[in-house]
Amino acid sequence: MVPLLLVLLLAIVLFGVGFAVKILWWIALAVLIVWALGFLFRGAGTSGSRGRWYRW
């Protein structure tokens, strides 16, 4: 009974990790797209001397 519970617990943990990693890949892809769009549109309407689209 205990080994069965351990196997089920391991399956739940691995499923959770796999789901979290998949979500993180989608978030990373969205951030990459926003970052690339920032480089494409950085020259439009910026008042900075180097044309940066971020404020740091």
PDB file of N, CA and C in Angstrom:
ATOM      1  N   MET A   1       0.812  -1.196   0.000  1.00  0.00           N
ATOM      2  CA  MET A   1       0.000   0.000   0.000  1.00  0.00           C
ATOM      3  C   MET A   1       0.860   1.267   0.000  1.00  0.00           C
ATOM      4  N   VAL A   2       1.911   1.280   0.799  1.00  0.00           N
ATOM      5  CA  VAL A   2       2.788   2.446   0.872  1.00  0.00           C
ATOM      6  C   VAL A   2       3.514   2.680  -0.454  1.00  0.00           C
ATOM      7  N   PRO A   3       4.059   1.637  -1.113  1.00  0.00           N
ATOM      8  CA  PRO A   3       4.704   1.892  -2.410  1.00  0.00           C
ATOM      9  C   PRO A   3       3.734   2.453  -3.449  1.00  0.00           C
ATOM     10  N   LEU A   4       2.499   2.000  -3.420  1.00  0.00           N
ATOM     11  CA  LEU A   4       1.502   2.520  -4.353  1.00  0.00           C
ATOM     12  C   LEU A   4       1.242   4.007  -4.102  1.00  0.00           C
ATOM     13  N   LEU A   5       1.156   4.390  -2.848  1.00  0.00           N
ATOM     14  CA  LEU A   5       0.961   5.805  -2.513  1.00  0.00           C
ATOM     15  C   LEU A   5       2.162   6.654  -2.931  1.00  0.00           C
ATOM     16  N   LEU A   6       3.363   6.084  -2.757  1.00  0.00           N
ATOM     17  CA  LEU A   6       4.562   6.815  -3.175  1.00  0.00           C
ATOM     18  C   LEU A   6       4.601   7.009  -4.691  1.00  0.00           C
ATOM     19  N   VAL A   7       4.214   5.991  -5.423  1.00  0.00           N
ATOM     20  CA  VAL A   7       4.189   6.099  -6.887  1.00  0.00           C
ATOM     21  C   VAL A   7       3.145   7.125  -7.326  1.00  0.00           C
ATOM     22  N   LEU A   8       1.981   7.108  -6.710  1.00  0.00           N
ATOM     23  CA  LEU A   8       0.958   8.092  -7.040  1.00  0.00           C
ATOM     24  C   LEU A   8       1.403   9.510  -6.689  1.00  0.00           C
ATOM     25  N   LEU A   9       2.053   9.673  -5.553  1.00  0.00           N
ATOM     26  CA  LEU A   9       2.570  10.979  -5.162  1.00  0.00           C
ATOM     27  C   LEU A   9       3.630  11.466  -6.151  1.00  0.00           C
ATOM     28  N   LEU A  10       4.510  10.576  -6.567  1.00  0.00           N
ATOM     29  CA  LEU A  10       5.539  10.930  -7.546  1.00  0.00           C
ATOM     30  C   LEU A  10       4.906  11.327  -8.879  1.00  0.00           C
ATOM     31  N   ALA A  11       3.874  10.614  -9.301  1.00  0.00           N
ATOM     32  CA  ALA A  11       3.191  10.950 -10.556  1.00  0.00           C
ATOM     33  C   ALA A  11       2.536  12.324 -10.464  1.00  0.00           C
ATOM     34  N   ILE A  12       1.923  12.638  -9.345  1.00  0.00           N
ATOM     35  CA  ILE A  12       1.289  13.954  -9.167  1.00  0.00           C
ATOM     36  C   ILE A  12       2.334  15.062  -9.188  1.00  0.00           C
ATOM     37  N   VAL A  13       3.448  14.848  -8.512  1.00  0.00           N
ATOM     38  CA  VAL A  13       4.508  15.866  -8.476  1.00  0.00           C
ATOM     39  C   VAL A  13       5.084  16.082  -9.876  1.00  0.00           C
ATOM     40  N   LEU A  14       5.360  14.994 -10.595  1.00  0.00           N
ATOM     41  CA  LEU A  14       5.933  15.134 -11.932  1.00  0.00           C
ATOM     42  C   LEU A  14       4.938  15.790 -12.898  1.00  0.00           C
ATOM     43  N   PHE A  15       3.668  15.487 -12.762  1.00  0.00           N
ATOM     44  CA  PHE A  15       2.658  16.144 -13.599  1.00  0.00           C
ATOM     45  C   PHE A  15       2.621  17.639 -13.312  1.00  0.00           C
ATOM     46  N   GLY A  16       2.686  18.004 -12.049  1.00  0.00           N
ATOM     47  CA  GLY A  16       2.684  19.421 -11.682  1.00  0.00           C
ATOM     48  C   GLY A  16       3.899  20.151 -12.206  1.00  0.00           C
ATOM     49  N   VAL A  17       5.060  19.521 -12.130  1.00  0.00           N
ATOM     50  CA  VAL A  17       6.283  20.134 -12.643  1.00  0.00           C
ATOM     51  C   VAL A  17       6.197  20.293 -14.161  1.00  0.00           C
ATOM     52  N   GLY A  18       5.703  19.274 -14.838  1.00  0.00           N
ATOM     53  CA  GLY A  18       5.571  19.359 -16.290  1.00  0.00           C
ATOM     54  C   GLY A  18       4.614  20.452 -16.718  1.00  0.00           C
ATOM     55  N   PHE A  19       3.515  20.607 -16.011  1.00  0.00           N
ATOM     56  CA  PHE A  19       2.544  21.657 -16.322  1.00  0.00           C
ATOM     57  C   PHE A  19       3.156  23.031 -16.080  1.00  0.00           C
ATOM     58  N   ALA A  20       3.886  23.196 -14.971  1.00  0.00           N
ATOM     59  CA  ALA A  20       4.510  24.484 -14.658  1.00  0.00           C
ATOM     60  C   ALA A  20       5.562  24.840 -15.702  1.00  0.00           C
ATOM     61  N   VAL A  21       6.341  23.856 -16.138  1.00  0.00           N
ATOM     62  CA  VAL A  21       7.371  24.122 -17.140  1.00  0.00           C
ATOM     63  C   VAL A  21       6.727  24.534 -18.463  1.00  0.00           C
ATOM     64  N   LYS A  22       5.625  23.893 -18.821  1.00  0.00           N
ATOM     65  CA  LYS A  22       4.945  24.258 -20.066  1.00  0.00           C
ATOM     66  C   LYS A  22       4.414  25.682 -19.989  1.00  0.00           C
ATOM     67  N   ILE A  23       3.844  26.073 -18.866  1.00  0.00           N
ATOM     68  CA  ILE A  23       3.358  27.445 -18.692  1.00  0.00           C
ATOM     69  C   ILE A  23       4.523  28.437 -18.767  1.00  0.00           C
ATOM     70  N   LEU A  24       5.655  28.089 -18.150  1.00  0.00           N
ATOM     71  CA  LEU A  24       6.811  28.982 -18.187  1.00  0.00           C
ATOM     72  C   LEU A  24       7.341  29.160 -19.602  1.00  0.00           C
ATOM     73  N   TRP A  25       7.284  28.110 -20.436  1.00  0.00           N
ATOM     74  CA  TRP A  25       7.709  28.237 -21.836  1.00  0.00           C
ATOM     75  C   TRP A  25       6.811  29.209 -22.584  1.00  0.00           C
ATOM     76  N   TRP A  26       5.497  29.170 -22.349  1.00  0.00           N
ATOM     77  CA  TRP A  26       4.580  30.098 -23.015  1.00  0.00           C
ATOM     78  C   TRP A  26       4.830  31.531 -22.551  1.00  0.00           C
ATOM     79  N   ILE A  27       5.103  31.712 -21.253  1.00  0.00           N
ATOM     80  CA  ILE A  27       5.400  33.050 -20.732  1.00  0.00           C
ATOM     81  C   ILE A  27       6.700  33.575 -21.339  1.00  0.00           C
ATOM     82  N   ALA A  28       7.708  32.706 -21.434  1.00  0.00           N
ATOM     83  CA  ALA A  28       8.985  33.116 -22.031  1.00  0.00           C
ATOM     84  C   ALA A  28       8.805  33.493 -23.497  1.00  0.00           C
ATOM     85  N   LEU A  29       7.966  32.773 -24.215  1.00  0.00           N
ATOM     86  CA  LEU A  29       7.711  33.093 -25.614  1.00  0.00           C
ATOM     87  C   LEU A  29       7.016  34.455 -25.749  1.00  0.00           C
ATOM     88  N   ALA A  30       6.059  34.731 -24.881  1.00  0.00           N
ATOM     89  CA  ALA A  30       5.370  36.027 -24.913  1.00  0.00           C
ATOM     90  C   ALA A  30       6.337  37.167 -24.600  1.00  0.00           C
ATOM     91  N   VAL A  31       7.211  36.974 -23.621  1.00  0.00           N
ATOM     92  CA  VAL A  31       8.196  38.011 -23.279  1.00  0.00           C
ATOM     93  C   VAL A  31       9.168  38.227 -24.430  1.00  0.00           C
ATOM     94  N   LEU A  32       9.568  37.170 -25.099  1.00  0.00           N
ATOM     95  CA  LEU A  32      10.471  37.288 -26.241  1.00  0.00           C
ATOM     96  C   LEU A  32       9.822  38.080 -27.373  1.00  0.00           C
ATOM     97  N   ILE A  33       8.542  37.849 -27.618  1.00  0.00           N
ATOM     98  CA  ILE A  33       7.834  38.583 -28.673  1.00  0.00           C
ATOM     99  C   ILE A  33       7.742  40.068 -28.316  1.00  0.00           C
ATOM    100  N   VAL A  34       7.409  40.375 -27.067  1.00  0.00           N
ATOM    101  CA  VAL A  34       7.335  41.780 -26.642  1.00  0.00           C
ATOM    102  C   VAL A  34       8.692  42.450 -26.742  1.00  0.00           C
ATOM    103  N   TRP A  35       9.744  41.735 -26.367  1.00  0.00           N
ATOM    104  CA  TRP A  35      11.107  42.264 -26.445  1.00  0.00           C
ATOM    105  C   TRP A  35      11.496  42.551 -27.888  1.00  0.00           C
ATOM    106  N   ALA A  36      11.182  41.628 -28.799  1.00  0.00           N
ATOM    107  CA  ALA A  36      11.507  41.820 -30.213  1.00  0.00           C
ATOM    108  C   ALA A  36      10.702  42.983 -30.800  1.00  0.00           C
ATOM    109  N   LEU A  37       9.432  43.104 -30.433  1.00  0.00           N
ATOM    110  CA  LEU A  37       8.626  44.225 -30.912  1.00  0.00           C
ATOM    111  C   LEU A  37       9.160  45.555 -30.387  1.00  0.00           C
ATOM    112  N   GLY A  38       9.701  45.552 -29.187  1.00  0.00           N
ATOM    113  CA  GLY A  38      10.299  46.774 -28.643  1.00  0.00           C
ATOM    114  C   GLY A  38      11.481  47.232 -29.467  1.00  0.00           C
ATOM    115  N   PHE A  39      12.278  46.306 -29.972  1.00  0.00           N
ATOM    116  CA  PHE A  39      13.395  46.689 -30.822  1.00  0.00           C
ATOM    117  C   PHE A  39      12.912  47.180 -32.193  1.00  0.00           C
ATOM    118  N   LEU A  40      11.822  46.614 -32.683  1.00  0.00           N
ATOM    119  CA  LEU A  40      11.311  47.044 -33.986  1.00  0.00           C
ATOM    120  C   LEU A  40      10.714  48.441 -33.929  1.00  0.00           C
ATOM    121  N   PHE A  41      10.032  48.762 -32.835  1.00  0.00           N
ATOM    122  CA  PHE A  41       9.317  50.038 -32.735  1.00  0.00           C
ATOM    123  C   PHE A  41      10.019  51.049 -31.849  1.00  0.00           C
ATOM    124  N   ARG A  42      11.296  50.854 -31.539  1.00  0.00           N
ATOM    125  CA  ARG A  42      11.945  51.760 -30.587  1.00  0.00           C
ATOM    126  C   ARG A  42      12.205  53.139 -31.170  1.00  0.00           C
ATOM    127  N   GLY A  43      12.265  53.278 -32.477  1.00  0.00           N
ATOM    128  CA  GLY A  43      12.549  54.578 -33.061  1.00  0.00           C
ATOM    129  C   GLY A  43      11.326  55.458 -33.201  1.00  0.00           C
ATOM    130  N   ALA A  44      10.147  54.921 -33.015  1.00  0.00           N
ATOM    131  CA  ALA A  44       8.930  55.699 -33.249  1.00  0.00           C
ATOM    132  C   ALA A  44       8.521  56.467 -31.995  1.00  0.00           C
ATOM    133  N   GLY A  45       8.642  57.778 -32.051  1.00  0.00           N
ATOM    134  CA  GLY A  45       8.126  58.633 -30.989  1.00  0.00           C
ATOM    135  C   GLY A  45       8.930  58.646 -29.709  1.00  0.00           C
ATOM    136  N   THR A  46      10.197  58.374 -29.743  1.00  0.00           N
ATOM    137  CA  THR A  46      11.002  58.433 -28.515  1.00  0.00           C
ATOM    138  C   THR A  46      11.728  59.762 -28.470  1.00  0.00           C
ATOM    139  N   SER A  47      11.858  60.305 -27.280  1.00  0.00           N
ATOM    140  CA  SER A  47      12.531  61.591 -27.129  1.00  0.00           C
ATOM    141  C   SER A  47      13.929  61.437 -26.542  1.00  0.00           C
ATOM    142  N   GLY A  48      14.354  60.237 -26.253  1.00  0.00           N
ATOM    143  CA  GLY A  48      15.680  60.017 -25.679  1.00  0.00           C
ATOM    144  C   GLY A  48      16.766  60.189 -26.726  1.00  0.00           C
ATOM    145  N   SER A  49      17.991  60.387 -26.258  1.00  0.00           N
ATOM    146  CA  SER A  49      19.078  60.627 -27.192  1.00  0.00           C
ATOM    147  C   SER A  49      19.461  59.356 -27.956  1.00  0.00           C
ATOM    148  N   ARG A  50      19.269  58.182 -27.350  1.00  0.00           N
ATOM    149  CA  ARG A  50      19.640  56.933 -28.018  1.00  0.00           C
ATOM    150  C   ARG A  50      18.420  56.164 -28.506  1.00  0.00           C
ATOM    151  N   GLY A  51      17.227  56.673 -28.305  1.00  0.00           N
ATOM    152  CA  GLY A  51      16.030  56.023 -28.794  1.00  0.00           C
ATOM    153  C   GLY A  51      15.662  54.753 -28.049  1.00  0.00           C
ATOM    154  N   ARG A  52      15.833  54.753 -26.739  1.00  0.00           N
ATOM    155  CA  ARG A  52      15.487  53.569 -25.958  1.00  0.00           C
ATOM    156  C   ARG A  52      13.984  53.513 -25.742  1.00  0.00           C
ATOM    157  N   TRP A  53      13.400  52.326 -25.777  1.00  0.00           N
ATOM    158  CA  TRP A  53      11.967  52.176 -25.543  1.00  0.00           C
ATOM    159  C   TRP A  53      11.659  51.807 -24.105  1.00  0.00           C
ATOM    160  N   TYR A  54      12.688  51.551 -23.300  1.00  0.00           N
ATOM    161  CA  TYR A  54      12.490  51.259 -21.879  1.00  0.00           C
ATOM    162  C   TYR A  54      12.996  52.434 -21.065  1.00  0.00           C
ATOM    163  N   ARG A  55      12.680  52.476 -19.763  1.00  0.00           N
ATOM    164  CA  ARG A  55      12.977  53.652 -18.953  1.00  0.00           C
ATOM    165  C   ARG A  55      13.935  53.339 -17.805  1.00  0.00           C
ATOM    166  N   TRP A  56      15.077  52.681 -18.038  1.00  0.00           N
ATOM    167  CA  TRP A  56      16.041  52.427 -16.971  1.00  0.00           C
ATOM    168  C   TRP A  56      17.390  52.778 -17.367  1.00  0.00           C
TER     169      TRP A  56
END
